């Protein structure tokens, strides 16, 4: 069944006709087929948003995801005239907020802003409470920050290659620290452990700040935080960055080689801000949300605030983001299973 949809932030914009068959994936081509469209999704024939919106955040105020959401929210209000509530719902590694968003009405007025936990939890937890492929639709990867492999300057290793040689020369002597179990920082270090065939022990901390303190105190040999939490220390020389995990070098630390450059083909991880809506949300609303978020993030004053914190603007399409979600669920799932990682 074909249906005509008129979806707009103010001012109005024309929208093409789209397929809207019940039970068909909301983004129903190729690799997007797994993201299901709830049966009975109805055409939208009114301006969007037509009432207050809610951004659900799985973490406490002040974290990276919260900061990005709060940069976007007031600008959507300015454009549409509708208020946007930022609703922080921390707990269960992000699952509480994800379940809340998955169960919301599929009309685009409830939006999940989350982290890379969304692609880790399907494997890390036996019952996360939602199915990422059936219950949520990807809108965009709003921002990404590289993970960095950092050491204390006193450690006698100035490159990742030297660090690997040091660890191999002293079996069972060194440990790696992560922000907590199941984070992409943890899984990035574990991926290095597996691919370089090392025997580093994992020391989880209760967040990025305690991990940074431990690294500054030379309590662990290497850590895997997101760049925003250690950018100042890297620039100040208190920590040494050996490698970054995005495919390309990061503008904030241009002299730090990537993991790919360091001899690990295909090694790509990050800390993201991912945006999702409930399954069944009309494709026109998904696309309009993506375009509006991309427009806001491209504004010079917003981009400047994001890059100053060590993040990079991505704002890719729903199709591109959905492909990344599938690839990362598979990647992190393999690391979790191989290392037999369980949530704390």
C-alpha atoms as a PDB file:
ATOM      1  CA  UNK A   1       0.000   0.000   0.000  1.00  0.00           C
ATOM      2  CA  UNK A   2       1.367   3.387  -0.932  1.00  0.00           C
ATOM      3  CA  UNK A   3       0.662   6.439   1.201  1.00  0.00           C
ATOM      4  CA  UNK A   4       1.398  10.105   0.826  1.00  0.00           C
ATOM      5  CA  UNK A   5       3.036  11.732   3.825  1.00  0.00           C
ATOM      6  CA  UNK A   6       3.488  15.391   4.588  1.00  0.00           C
ATOM      7  CA  UNK A   7       6.099  15.850   7.320  1.00  0.00           C
ATOM      8  CA  UNK A   8       7.743  19.105   8.185  1.00  0.00           C
ATOM      9  CA  UNK A   9       9.569  21.151  10.706  1.00  0.00           C
ATOM     10  CA  UNK A  10       8.465  24.731  10.225  1.00  0.00           C
ATOM     11  CA  UNK A  11       8.595  25.997   7.541  1.00  0.00           C
ATOM     12  CA  UNK A  12       6.868  23.322   5.456  1.00  0.00           C
ATOM     13  CA  UNK A  13       8.742  21.107   3.026  1.00  0.00           C
ATOM     14  CA  UNK A  14       7.400  18.834   0.312  1.00  0.00           C
ATOM     15  CA  UNK A  15       7.922  15.111   0.737  1.00  0.00           C
ATOM     16  CA  UNK A  16       7.758  12.343  -1.895  1.00  0.00           C
ATOM     17  CA  UNK A  17       5.421   9.385  -1.709  1.00  0.00           C
ATOM     18  CA  UNK A  18       6.923   6.396   0.098  1.00  0.00           C
ATOM     19  CA  UNK A  19       6.153   2.724   0.636  1.00  0.00           C
ATOM     20  CA  UNK A  20       4.378   2.067   3.905  1.00  0.00           C
ATOM     21  CA  UNK A  21       3.271  -1.591   3.966  1.00  0.00           C
ATOM     22  CA  UNK A  22       2.451  -2.987   7.435  1.00  0.00           C
ATOM     23  CA  UNK A  23       5.132  -5.371   8.711  1.00  0.00           C
ATOM     24  CA  UNK A  24       7.700  -4.135   6.207  1.00  0.00           C
ATOM     25  CA  UNK A  25      10.945  -2.677   7.565  1.00  0.00           C
ATOM     26  CA  UNK A  26      10.724   1.037   8.157  1.00  0.00           C
ATOM     27  CA  UNK A  27      13.848   1.357   6.060  1.00  0.00           C
ATOM     28  CA  UNK A  28      13.003  -1.521   3.764  1.00  0.00           C
ATOM     29  CA  UNK A  29      15.890  -2.054   1.392  1.00  0.00           C
ATOM     30  CA  UNK A  30      18.970  -4.262   1.497  1.00  0.00           C
ATOM     31  CA  UNK A  31      20.669  -4.391   4.845  1.00  0.00           C
ATOM     32  CA  UNK A  32      17.956  -2.303   6.490  1.00  0.00           C
ATOM     33  CA  UNK A  33      15.412  -5.097   6.204  1.00  0.00           C
ATOM     34  CA  UNK A  34      15.988  -6.182   9.793  1.00  0.00           C
ATOM     35  CA  UNK A  35      14.728  -2.911  11.240  1.00  0.00           C
ATOM     36  CA  UNK A  36      11.033  -3.674  11.304  1.00  0.00           C
ATOM     37  CA  UNK A  37       8.096  -1.352  10.778  1.00  0.00           C
ATOM     38  CA  UNK A  38       5.331  -2.068  13.255  1.00  0.00           C
ATOM     39  CA  UNK A  39       2.126  -3.267  11.685  1.00  0.00           C
ATOM     40  CA  UNK A  40      -0.514  -0.647  11.291  1.00  0.00           C
ATOM     41  CA  UNK A  41       1.788   2.393  11.088  1.00  0.00           C
ATOM     42  CA  UNK A  42      -0.396   5.224   9.862  1.00  0.00           C
ATOM     43  CA  UNK A  43       0.347   7.965   7.359  1.00  0.00           C
ATOM     44  CA  UNK A  44       1.268  11.329   8.820  1.00  0.00           C
ATOM     45  CA  UNK A  45      -0.659  14.285   7.459  1.00  0.00           C
ATOM     46  CA  UNK A  46       0.236  17.016   9.942  1.00  0.00           C
ATOM     47  CA  UNK A  47       3.248  19.224  10.607  1.00  0.00           C
ATOM     48  CA  UNK A  48       6.032  17.533  12.560  1.00  0.00           C
ATOM     49  CA  UNK A  49       6.553  17.950  15.428  1.00  0.00           C
ATOM     50  CA  UNK A  50       2.946  18.681  16.258  1.00  0.00           C
ATOM     51  CA  UNK A  51       3.406  18.617  20.047  1.00  0.00           C
ATOM     52  CA  UNK A  52       6.269  18.598  22.590  1.00  0.00           C
ATOM     53  CA  UNK A  53       9.095  16.157  21.896  1.00  0.00           C
ATOM     54  CA  UNK A  54      11.088  14.068  24.351  1.00  0.00           C
ATOM     55  CA  UNK A  55      14.776  13.158  24.038  1.00  0.00           C
ATOM     56  CA  UNK A  56      15.430  10.081  26.197  1.00  0.00           C
ATOM     57  CA  UNK A  57      19.029   9.894  27.467  1.00  0.00           C
ATOM     58  CA  UNK A  58      20.354   6.706  29.145  1.00  0.00           C
ATOM     59  CA  UNK A  59      22.836   8.611  31.315  1.00  0.00           C
ATOM     60  CA  UNK A  60      22.975  11.304  33.970  1.00  0.00           C
ATOM     61  CA  UNK A  61      23.196  14.963  32.935  1.00  0.00           C
ATOM     62  CA  UNK A  62      26.600  16.267  31.905  1.00  0.00           C
ATOM     63  CA  UNK A  63      27.907  13.285  29.958  1.00  0.00           C
ATOM     64  CA  UNK A  64      28.816  13.421  26.244  1.00  0.00           C
ATOM     65  CA  UNK A  65      25.472  12.103  24.957  1.00  0.00           C
ATOM     66  CA  UNK A  66      23.560  14.483  27.225  1.00  0.00           C
ATOM     67  CA  UNK A  67      25.679  17.418  26.020  1.00  0.00           C
ATOM     68  CA  UNK A  68      24.982  16.660  22.346  1.00  0.00           C
ATOM     69  CA  UNK A  69      21.247  16.199  22.957  1.00  0.00           C
ATOM     70  CA  UNK A  70      21.068  19.496  24.844  1.00  0.00           C
ATOM     71  CA  UNK A  71      22.797  21.302  21.990  1.00  0.00           C
ATOM     72  CA  UNK A  72      20.209  19.985  19.543  1.00  0.00           C
ATOM     73  CA  UNK A  73      17.029  20.277  21.634  1.00  0.00           C
ATOM     74  CA  UNK A  74      16.667  24.083  21.867  1.00  0.00           C
ATOM     75  CA  UNK A  75      17.434  24.507  18.177  1.00  0.00           C
ATOM     76  CA  UNK A  76      14.627  22.150  17.246  1.00  0.00           C
ATOM     77  CA  UNK A  77      12.368  24.245  19.474  1.00  0.00           C
ATOM     78  CA  UNK A  78      13.508  27.411  17.699  1.00  0.00           C
ATOM     79  CA  UNK A  79      12.749  25.878  14.308  1.00  0.00           C
ATOM     80  CA  UNK A  80       9.471  24.138  15.113  1.00  0.00           C
ATOM     81  CA  UNK A  81       8.006  26.136  17.994  1.00  0.00           C
ATOM     82  CA  UNK A  82       7.550  22.930  20.009  1.00  0.00           C
ATOM     83  CA  UNK A  83       9.364  22.399  23.339  1.00  0.00           C
ATOM     84  CA  UNK A  84      11.802  19.508  23.646  1.00  0.00           C
ATOM     85  CA  UNK A  85      12.206  17.783  27.023  1.00  0.00           C
ATOM     86  CA  UNK A  86      15.563  16.119  27.722  1.00  0.00           C
ATOM     87  CA  UNK A  87      14.658  13.118  29.873  1.00  0.00           C
ATOM     88  CA  UNK A  88      17.659  11.474  31.611  1.00  0.00           C
ATOM     89  CA  UNK A  89      16.928   7.831  32.498  1.00  0.00           C
ATOM     90  CA  UNK A  90      20.203   6.199  33.595  1.00  0.00           C
ATOM     91  CA  UNK A  91      20.492   2.574  34.634  1.00  0.00           C
ATOM     92  CA  UNK A  92      21.117  -0.986  33.420  1.00  0.00           C
ATOM     93  CA  UNK A  93      23.873   0.096  31.067  1.00  0.00           C
ATOM     94  CA  UNK A  94      21.468   2.122  28.945  1.00  0.00           C
ATOM     95  CA  UNK A  95      18.770  -0.549  28.706  1.00  0.00           C
ATOM     96  CA  UNK A  96      16.159   1.315  30.774  1.00  0.00           C
ATOM     97  CA  UNK A  97      16.112   4.271  28.384  1.00  0.00           C
ATOM     98  CA  UNK A  98      16.229   2.026  25.309  1.00  0.00           C
ATOM     99  CA  UNK A  99      13.212   0.019  26.484  1.00  0.00           C
ATOM    100  CA  UNK A 100      11.322   3.240  27.235  1.00  0.00           C
ATOM    101  CA  UNK A 101      12.015   4.574  23.761  1.00  0.00           C
ATOM    102  CA  UNK A 102      11.200   1.273  22.074  1.00  0.00           C
ATOM    103  CA  UNK A 103       7.766   1.212  23.730  1.00  0.00           C
ATOM    104  CA  UNK A 104       6.883   4.816  22.888  1.00  0.00           C
ATOM    105  CA  UNK A 105       4.399   5.783  20.197  1.00  0.00           C
ATOM    106  CA  UNK A 106       6.054   5.488  16.761  1.00  0.00           C
ATOM    107  CA  UNK A 107       5.391   9.062  15.709  1.00  0.00           C
ATOM    108  CA  UNK A 108       8.805  10.683  16.081  1.00  0.00           C
ATOM    109  CA  UNK A 109       7.990  12.614  19.231  1.00  0.00           C
ATOM    110  CA  UNK A 110      10.078  10.306  21.441  1.00  0.00           C
ATOM    111  CA  UNK A 111      13.719  10.108  20.352  1.00  0.00           C
ATOM    112  CA  UNK A 112      16.474   8.031  21.924  1.00  0.00           C
ATOM    113  CA  UNK A 113      19.897   9.664  22.132  1.00  0.00           C
ATOM    114  CA  UNK A 114      22.303   6.962  23.240  1.00  0.00           C
ATOM    115  CA  UNK A 115      25.906   5.822  23.199  1.00  0.00           C
ATOM    116  CA  UNK A 116      27.766   2.855  21.774  1.00  0.00           C
ATOM    117  CA  UNK A 117      26.194   0.773  24.539  1.00  0.00           C
ATOM    118  CA  UNK A 118      23.265   0.277  22.159  1.00  0.00           C
ATOM    119  CA  UNK A 119      25.388  -1.945  19.895  1.00  0.00           C
ATOM    120  CA  UNK A 120      27.141  -3.772  22.756  1.00  0.00           C
ATOM    121  CA  UNK A 121      24.178  -4.616  24.982  1.00  0.00           C
ATOM    122  CA  UNK A 122      22.436  -7.042  22.607  1.00  0.00           C
ATOM    123  CA  UNK A 123      25.278  -9.499  23.300  1.00  0.00           C
ATOM    124  CA  UNK A 124      26.492  -8.323  26.707  1.00  0.00           C
ATOM    125  CA  UNK A 125      23.089  -8.803  28.342  1.00  0.00           C
ATOM    126  CA  UNK A 126      21.088 -12.020  28.099  1.00  0.00           C
ATOM    127  CA  UNK A 127      17.836 -10.041  28.208  1.00  0.00           C
ATOM    128  CA  UNK A 128      18.343  -6.341  27.480  1.00  0.00           C
ATOM    129  CA  UNK A 129      14.565  -5.911  27.254  1.00  0.00           C
ATOM    130  CA  UNK A 130      14.416  -4.853  23.611  1.00  0.00           C
ATOM    131  CA  UNK A 131      15.552  -6.064  20.204  1.00  0.00           C
ATOM    132  CA  UNK A 132      17.646  -3.433  18.488  1.00  0.00           C
ATOM    133  CA  UNK A 133      16.689  -4.731  15.039  1.00  0.00           C
ATOM    134  CA  UNK A 134      12.945  -5.126  15.634  1.00  0.00           C
ATOM    135  CA  UNK A 135      12.109  -2.440  18.193  1.00  0.00           C
ATOM    136  CA  UNK A 136      14.184   0.569  17.134  1.00  0.00           C
ATOM    137  CA  UNK A 137      14.911   2.401  13.899  1.00  0.00           C
ATOM    138  CA  UNK A 138      18.296   4.121  13.408  1.00  0.00           C
ATOM    139  CA  UNK A 139      18.132   7.812  12.527  1.00  0.00           C
ATOM    140  CA  UNK A 140      21.754   8.972  12.516  1.00  0.00           C
ATOM    141  CA  UNK A 141      25.126   8.627  14.124  1.00  0.00           C
ATOM    142  CA  UNK A 142      25.191  12.216  15.291  1.00  0.00           C
ATOM    143  CA  UNK A 143      28.753  12.366  16.604  1.00  0.00           C
ATOM    144  CA  UNK A 144      31.729  10.088  17.144  1.00  0.00           C
ATOM    145  CA  UNK A 145      34.844  10.308  19.275  1.00  0.00           C
ATOM    146  CA  UNK A 146      37.851   8.117  18.797  1.00  0.00           C
ATOM    147  CA  UNK A 147      39.004   5.838  21.576  1.00  0.00           C
ATOM    148  CA  UNK A 148      42.676   6.313  22.379  1.00  0.00           C
ATOM    149  CA  UNK A 149      45.224   3.859  23.723  1.00  0.00           C
ATOM    150  CA  UNK A 150      47.055   5.944  26.316  1.00  0.00           C
ATOM    151  CA  UNK A 151      49.896   5.291  28.743  1.00  0.00           C
ATOM    152  CA  UNK A 152      51.794   7.169  31.397  1.00  0.00           C
ATOM    153  CA  UNK A 153      54.885   8.911  29.923  1.00  0.00           C
ATOM    154  CA  UNK A 154      57.129   6.957  32.303  1.00  0.00           C
ATOM    155  CA  UNK A 155      56.219   3.695  30.593  1.00  0.00           C
ATOM    156  CA  UNK A 156      59.125   2.800  28.266  1.00  0.00           C
ATOM    157  CA  UNK A 157      56.993   2.555  25.127  1.00  0.00           C
ATOM    158  CA  UNK A 158      56.490   5.462  22.756  1.00  0.00           C
ATOM    159  CA  UNK A 159      54.553   3.584  20.084  1.00  0.00           C
ATOM    160  CA  UNK A 160      51.966   0.831  20.090  1.00  0.00           C
ATOM    161  CA  UNK A 161      54.503  -1.528  18.528  1.00  0.00           C
ATOM    162  CA  UNK A 162      56.908  -0.856  21.398  1.00  0.00           C
ATOM    163  CA  UNK A 163      54.125  -1.363  23.930  1.00  0.00           C
ATOM    164  CA  UNK A 164      53.212  -4.753  22.446  1.00  0.00           C
ATOM    165  CA  UNK A 165      56.867  -5.812  22.529  1.00  0.00           C
ATOM    166  CA  UNK A 166      57.124  -4.694  26.172  1.00  0.00           C
ATOM    167  CA  UNK A 167      54.072  -6.707  27.213  1.00  0.00           C
ATOM    168  CA  UNK A 168      55.291  -9.806  25.385  1.00  0.00           C
ATOM    169  CA  UNK A 169      58.676  -9.512  27.071  1.00  0.00           C
ATOM    170  CA  UNK A 170      57.057  -9.436  30.525  1.00  0.00           C
ATOM    171  CA  UNK A 171      54.154 -11.927  30.541  1.00  0.00           C
ATOM    172  CA  UNK A 172      51.367 -11.333  33.067  1.00  0.00           C
ATOM    173  CA  UNK A 173      52.961  -8.162  34.392  1.00  0.00           C
ATOM    174  CA  UNK A 174      50.735  -5.503  32.856  1.00  0.00           C
ATOM    175  CA  UNK A 175      47.027  -4.626  32.955  1.00  0.00           C
ATOM    176  CA  UNK A 176      44.722  -2.417  30.967  1.00  0.00           C
ATOM    177  CA  UNK A 177      42.088  -0.123  32.425  1.00  0.00           C
ATOM    178  CA  UNK A 178      38.682   0.717  31.005  1.00  0.00           C
ATOM    179  CA  UNK A 179      35.841   3.094  31.964  1.00  0.00           C
ATOM    180  CA  UNK A 180      33.776   0.036  32.960  1.00  0.00           C
ATOM    181  CA  UNK A 181      32.907  -3.459  31.823  1.00  0.00           C
ATOM    182  CA  UNK A 182      31.205  -3.643  28.448  1.00  0.00           C
ATOM    183  CA  UNK A 183      32.060  -0.141  27.268  1.00  0.00           C
ATOM    184  CA  UNK A 184      33.566   0.264  23.828  1.00  0.00           C
ATOM    185  CA  UNK A 185      36.738   1.360  25.612  1.00  0.00           C
ATOM    186  CA  UNK A 186      36.846  -2.004  27.381  1.00  0.00           C
ATOM    187  CA  UNK A 187      36.089  -3.903  24.179  1.00  0.00           C
ATOM    188  CA  UNK A 188      38.690  -1.918  22.221  1.00  0.00           C
ATOM    189  CA  UNK A 189      41.405  -2.872  24.684  1.00  0.00           C
ATOM    190  CA  UNK A 190      40.164  -6.459  24.690  1.00  0.00           C
ATOM    191  CA  UNK A 191      40.210  -6.472  20.886  1.00  0.00           C
ATOM    192  CA  UNK A 192      43.867  -5.396  21.019  1.00  0.00           C
ATOM    193  CA  UNK A 193      44.474  -8.126  23.601  1.00  0.00           C
ATOM    194  CA  UNK A 194      42.977 -10.706  21.248  1.00  0.00           C
ATOM    195  CA  UNK A 195      44.443  -9.539  17.955  1.00  0.00           C
ATOM    196  CA  UNK A 196      47.965  -8.946  19.303  1.00  0.00           C
ATOM    197  CA  UNK A 197      47.790 -12.155  21.375  1.00  0.00           C
ATOM    198  CA  UNK A 198      48.637 -10.401  24.631  1.00  0.00           C
ATOM    199  CA  UNK A 199      47.865 -11.407  28.198  1.00  0.00           C
ATOM    200  CA  UNK A 200      46.798  -8.053  29.628  1.00  0.00           C
ATOM    201  CA  UNK A 201      44.487  -8.261  32.638  1.00  0.00           C
ATOM    202  CA  UNK A 202      41.376  -6.076  32.645  1.00  0.00           C
ATOM    203  CA  UNK A 203      40.872  -3.540  35.443  1.00  0.00           C
ATOM    204  CA  UNK A 204      37.434  -1.890  35.172  1.00  0.00           C
ATOM    205  CA  UNK A 205      36.828   1.522  36.736  1.00  0.00           C
ATOM    206  CA  UNK A 206      33.593   3.234  37.613  1.00  0.00           C
ATOM    207  CA  UNK A 207      33.666   5.709  34.762  1.00  0.00           C
ATOM    208  CA  UNK A 208      36.112   7.592  32.569  1.00  0.00           C
ATOM    209  CA  UNK A 209      37.173  10.040  35.311  1.00  0.00           C
ATOM    210  CA  UNK A 210      38.453   7.347  37.726  1.00  0.00           C
ATOM    211  CA  UNK A 211      40.220   5.646  34.807  1.00  0.00           C
ATOM    212  CA  UNK A 212      41.948   8.915  33.924  1.00  0.00           C
ATOM    213  CA  UNK A 213      43.073   9.324  37.550  1.00  0.00           C
ATOM    214  CA  UNK A 214      44.505   5.795  37.519  1.00  0.00           C
ATOM    215  CA  UNK A 215      46.371   6.455  34.276  1.00  0.00           C
ATOM    216  CA  UNK A 216      47.785   9.720  35.616  1.00  0.00           C
ATOM    217  CA  UNK A 217      48.967   7.796  38.687  1.00  0.00           C
ATOM    218  CA  UNK A 218      50.598   5.111  36.517  1.00  0.00           C
ATOM    219  CA  UNK A 219      48.426   2.470  38.175  1.00  0.00           C
ATOM    220  CA  UNK A 220      47.702   0.598  34.925  1.00  0.00           C
ATOM    221  CA  UNK A 221      49.966   0.187  31.930  1.00  0.00           C
ATOM    222  CA  UNK A 222      47.457   1.288  29.314  1.00  0.00           C
ATOM    223  CA  UNK A 223      43.928   2.603  29.155  1.00  0.00           C
ATOM    224  CA  UNK A 224      41.234   2.886  26.504  1.00  0.00           C
ATOM    225  CA  UNK A 225      39.150   5.988  27.225  1.00  0.00           C
ATOM    226  CA  UNK A 226      37.230   8.094  24.755  1.00  0.00           C
ATOM    227  CA  UNK A 227      39.292  11.052  23.584  1.00  0.00           C
ATOM    228  CA  UNK A 228      37.124  13.775  25.198  1.00  0.00           C
ATOM    229  CA  UNK A 229      38.000  12.634  28.725  1.00  0.00           C
ATOM    230  CA  UNK A 230      41.792  12.689  28.201  1.00  0.00           C
ATOM    231  CA  UNK A 231      42.312  15.282  25.466  1.00  0.00           C
ATOM    232  CA  UNK A 232      43.629  17.923  27.887  1.00  0.00           C
ATOM    233  CA  UNK A 233      46.053  15.453  29.483  1.00  0.00           C
ATOM    234  CA  UNK A 234      47.363  14.302  26.101  1.00  0.00           C
ATOM    235  CA  UNK A 235      47.916  17.876  24.974  1.00  0.00           C
ATOM    236  CA  UNK A 236      49.547  18.714  28.290  1.00  0.00           C
ATOM    237  CA  UNK A 237      51.942  15.762  28.161  1.00  0.00           C
ATOM    238  CA  UNK A 238      50.585  14.058  31.280  1.00  0.00           C
ATOM    239  CA  UNK A 239      49.485  11.087  29.154  1.00  0.00           C
ATOM    240  CA  UNK A 240      50.932   9.616  25.966  1.00  0.00           C
ATOM    241  CA  UNK A 241      48.600   8.586  23.154  1.00  0.00           C
ATOM    242  CA  UNK A 242      49.869   5.548  21.256  1.00  0.00           C
ATOM    243  CA  UNK A 243      47.032   5.077  18.761  1.00  0.00           C
ATOM    244  CA  UNK A 244      43.469   6.135  17.962  1.00  0.00           C
ATOM    245  CA  UNK A 245      40.695   3.841  16.805  1.00  0.00           C
ATOM    246  CA  UNK A 246      38.780   5.743  14.125  1.00  0.00           C
ATOM    247  CA  UNK A 247      39.703   4.809  10.534  1.00  0.00           C
ATOM    248  CA  UNK A 248      41.182   8.267   9.897  1.00  0.00           C
ATOM    249  CA  UNK A 249      43.359  10.376  12.151  1.00  0.00           C
ATOM    250  CA  UNK A 250      41.467  12.683  14.484  1.00  0.00           C
ATOM    251  CA  UNK A 251      41.781  16.428  13.971  1.00  0.00           C
ATOM    252  CA  UNK A 252      42.219  17.059  17.699  1.00  0.00           C
ATOM    253  CA  UNK A 253      45.302  14.778  17.849  1.00  0.00           C
ATOM    254  CA  UNK A 254      46.615  14.752  14.268  1.00  0.00           C
ATOM    255  CA  UNK A 255      50.034  13.321  15.174  1.00  0.00           C
ATOM    256  CA  UNK A 256      48.578  10.155  16.731  1.00  0.00           C
ATOM    257  CA  UNK A 257      48.431   7.223  14.274  1.00  0.00           C
ATOM    258  CA  UNK A 258      45.322   5.119  13.858  1.00  0.00           C
ATOM    259  CA  UNK A 259      45.134   1.452  14.786  1.00  0.00           C
ATOM    260  CA  UNK A 260      44.996   0.658  11.080  1.00  0.00           C
ATOM    261  CA  UNK A 261      48.227   2.585  10.533  1.00  0.00           C
ATOM    262  CA  UNK A 262      49.694   0.761  13.534  1.00  0.00           C
ATOM    263  CA  UNK A 263      49.318  -2.629  11.864  1.00  0.00           C
ATOM    264  CA  UNK A 264      45.746  -3.687  12.682  1.00  0.00           C
ATOM    265  CA  UNK A 265      43.706  -3.699   9.463  1.00  0.00           C
ATOM    266  CA  UNK A 266      40.005  -3.046   9.934  1.00  0.00           C
ATOM    267  CA  UNK A 267      40.404  -2.030  13.589  1.00  0.00           C
ATOM    268  CA  UNK A 268      37.741   0.661  14.002  1.00  0.00           C
ATOM    269  CA  UNK A 269      35.854   1.523  17.188  1.00  0.00           C
ATOM    270  CA  UNK A 270      34.567   4.718  18.752  1.00  0.00           C
ATOM    271  CA  UNK A 271      32.300   6.368  21.289  1.00  0.00           C
ATOM    272  CA  UNK A 272      29.207   7.577  19.478  1.00  0.00           C
ATOM    273  CA  UNK A 273      26.061   9.545  19.971  1.00  0.00           C
ATOM    274  CA  UNK A 274      23.433   7.454  18.191  1.00  0.00           C
ATOM    275  CA  UNK A 275      19.869   8.566  17.531  1.00  0.00           C
ATOM    276  CA  UNK A 276      16.968   6.088  17.300  1.00  0.00           C
ATOM    277  CA  UNK A 277      13.167   6.173  17.208  1.00  0.00           C
ATOM    278  CA  UNK A 278      10.595   3.432  17.872  1.00  0.00           C
ATOM    279  CA  UNK A 279       9.980   0.892  15.129  1.00  0.00           C
ATOM    280  CA  UNK A 280       6.979   1.862  13.031  1.00  0.00           C
ATOM    281  CA  UNK A 281       7.942   5.525  12.855  1.00  0.00           C
ATOM    282  CA  UNK A 282       7.181   6.651   9.273  1.00  0.00           C
ATOM    283  CA  UNK A 283      10.260   6.815   7.054  1.00  0.00           C
ATOM    284  CA  UNK A 284       9.514  10.451   6.189  1.00  0.00           C
ATOM    285  CA  UNK A 285       9.752  11.410   9.855  1.00  0.00           C
ATOM    286  CA  UNK A 286      12.975   9.412  10.258  1.00  0.00           C
ATOM    287  CA  UNK A 287      14.486  11.200   7.272  1.00  0.00           C
ATOM    288  CA  UNK A 288      13.259  14.595   8.439  1.00  0.00           C
ATOM    289  CA  UNK A 289      14.735  14.090  11.899  1.00  0.00           C
ATOM    290  CA  UNK A 290      18.052  13.126  10.359  1.00  0.00           C
ATOM    291  CA  UNK A 291      18.110  16.182   8.135  1.00  0.00           C
ATOM    292  CA  UNK A 292      17.200  18.496  10.993  1.00  0.00           C
ATOM    293  CA  UNK A 293      19.870  17.027  13.290  1.00  0.00           C
ATOM    294  CA  UNK A 294      22.442  17.259  10.483  1.00  0.00           C
ATOM    295  CA  UNK A 295      21.470  20.882   9.850  1.00  0.00           C
ATOM    296  CA  UNK A 296      21.900  21.766  13.513  1.00  0.00           C
ATOM    297  CA  UNK A 297      25.215  19.942  13.868  1.00  0.00           C
ATOM    298  CA  UNK A 298      26.597  21.666  10.772  1.00  0.00           C
ATOM    299  CA  UNK A 299      26.027  25.106  12.292  1.00  0.00           C
ATOM    300  CA  UNK A 300      29.487  26.587  12.999  1.00  0.00           C
ATOM    301  CA  UNK A 301      28.780  27.410  16.643  1.00  0.00           C
ATOM    302  CA  UNK A 302      27.490  23.886  17.344  1.00  0.00           C
ATOM    303  CA  UNK A 303      30.273  22.138  15.442  1.00  0.00           C
ATOM    304  CA  UNK A 304      32.848  24.243  17.292  1.00  0.00           C
ATOM    305  CA  UNK A 305      31.458  23.210  20.686  1.00  0.00           C
ATOM    306  CA  UNK A 306      31.446  19.533  19.711  1.00  0.00           C
ATOM    307  CA  UNK A 307      34.936  19.435  18.194  1.00  0.00           C
ATOM    308  CA  UNK A 308      36.374  21.365  21.138  1.00  0.00           C
ATOM    309  CA  UNK A 309      35.458  18.375  23.301  1.00  0.00           C
ATOM    310  CA  UNK A 310      37.190  15.876  21.028  1.00  0.00           C
ATOM    311  CA  UNK A 311      34.075  14.712  19.164  1.00  0.00           C
ATOM    312  CA  UNK A 312      33.532  14.785  15.415  1.00  0.00           C
ATOM    313  CA  UNK A 313      30.257  15.496  13.656  1.00  0.00           C
ATOM    314  CA  UNK A 314      29.020  12.535  11.589  1.00  0.00           C
ATOM    315  CA  UNK A 315      25.279  13.068  10.951  1.00  0.00           C
ATOM    316  CA  UNK A 316      25.097  10.224   8.430  1.00  0.00           C
ATOM    317  CA  UNK A 317      21.919   8.938   6.793  1.00  0.00           C
ATOM    318  CA  UNK A 318      19.585   6.346   8.321  1.00  0.00           C
ATOM    319  CA  UNK A 319      20.749   3.837   5.709  1.00  0.00           C
ATOM    320  CA  UNK A 320      24.438   4.417   6.510  1.00  0.00           C
ATOM    321  CA  UNK A 321      23.837   4.311  10.230  1.00  0.00           C
ATOM    322  CA  UNK A 322      21.797   1.115  10.043  1.00  0.00           C
ATOM    323  CA  UNK A 323      24.667  -0.595   8.214  1.00  0.00           C
ATOM    324  CA  UNK A 324      27.094   0.530  10.933  1.00  0.00           C
ATOM    325  CA  UNK A 325      24.765  -0.724  13.665  1.00  0.00           C
ATOM    326  CA  UNK A 326      24.664  -4.200  12.145  1.00  0.00           C
ATOM    327  CA  UNK A 327      28.425  -4.317  11.665  1.00  0.00           C
ATOM    328  CA  UNK A 328      29.124  -3.140  15.214  1.00  0.00           C
ATOM    329  CA  UNK A 329      26.652  -5.501  16.881  1.00  0.00           C
ATOM    330  CA  UNK A 330      28.524  -8.291  15.110  1.00  0.00           C
ATOM    331  CA  UNK A 331      32.002  -6.926  15.963  1.00  0.00           C
ATOM    332  CA  UNK A 332      31.374  -6.277  19.638  1.00  0.00           C
ATOM    333  CA  UNK A 333      29.342  -9.443  19.983  1.00  0.00           C
ATOM    334  CA  UNK A 334      32.309 -11.462  18.787  1.00  0.00           C
ATOM    335  CA  UNK A 335      34.653  -9.757  21.279  1.00  0.00           C
ATOM    336  CA  UNK A 336      32.183 -10.258  24.150  1.00  0.00           C
ATOM    337  CA  UNK A 337      31.704 -13.942  23.336  1.00  0.00           C
ATOM    338  CA  UNK A 338      35.394 -14.687  22.776  1.00  0.00           C
ATOM    339  CA  UNK A 339      36.394 -13.025  26.049  1.00  0.00           C
ATOM    340  CA  UNK A 340      33.338 -14.386  27.911  1.00  0.00           C
ATOM    341  CA  UNK A 341      32.522 -10.902  29.195  1.00  0.00           C
ATOM    342  CA  UNK A 342      29.569 -10.495  31.542  1.00  0.00           C
ATOM    343  CA  UNK A 343      27.999  -7.255  32.804  1.00  0.00           C
ATOM    344  CA  UNK A 344      28.979  -6.124  36.305  1.00  0.00           C
END
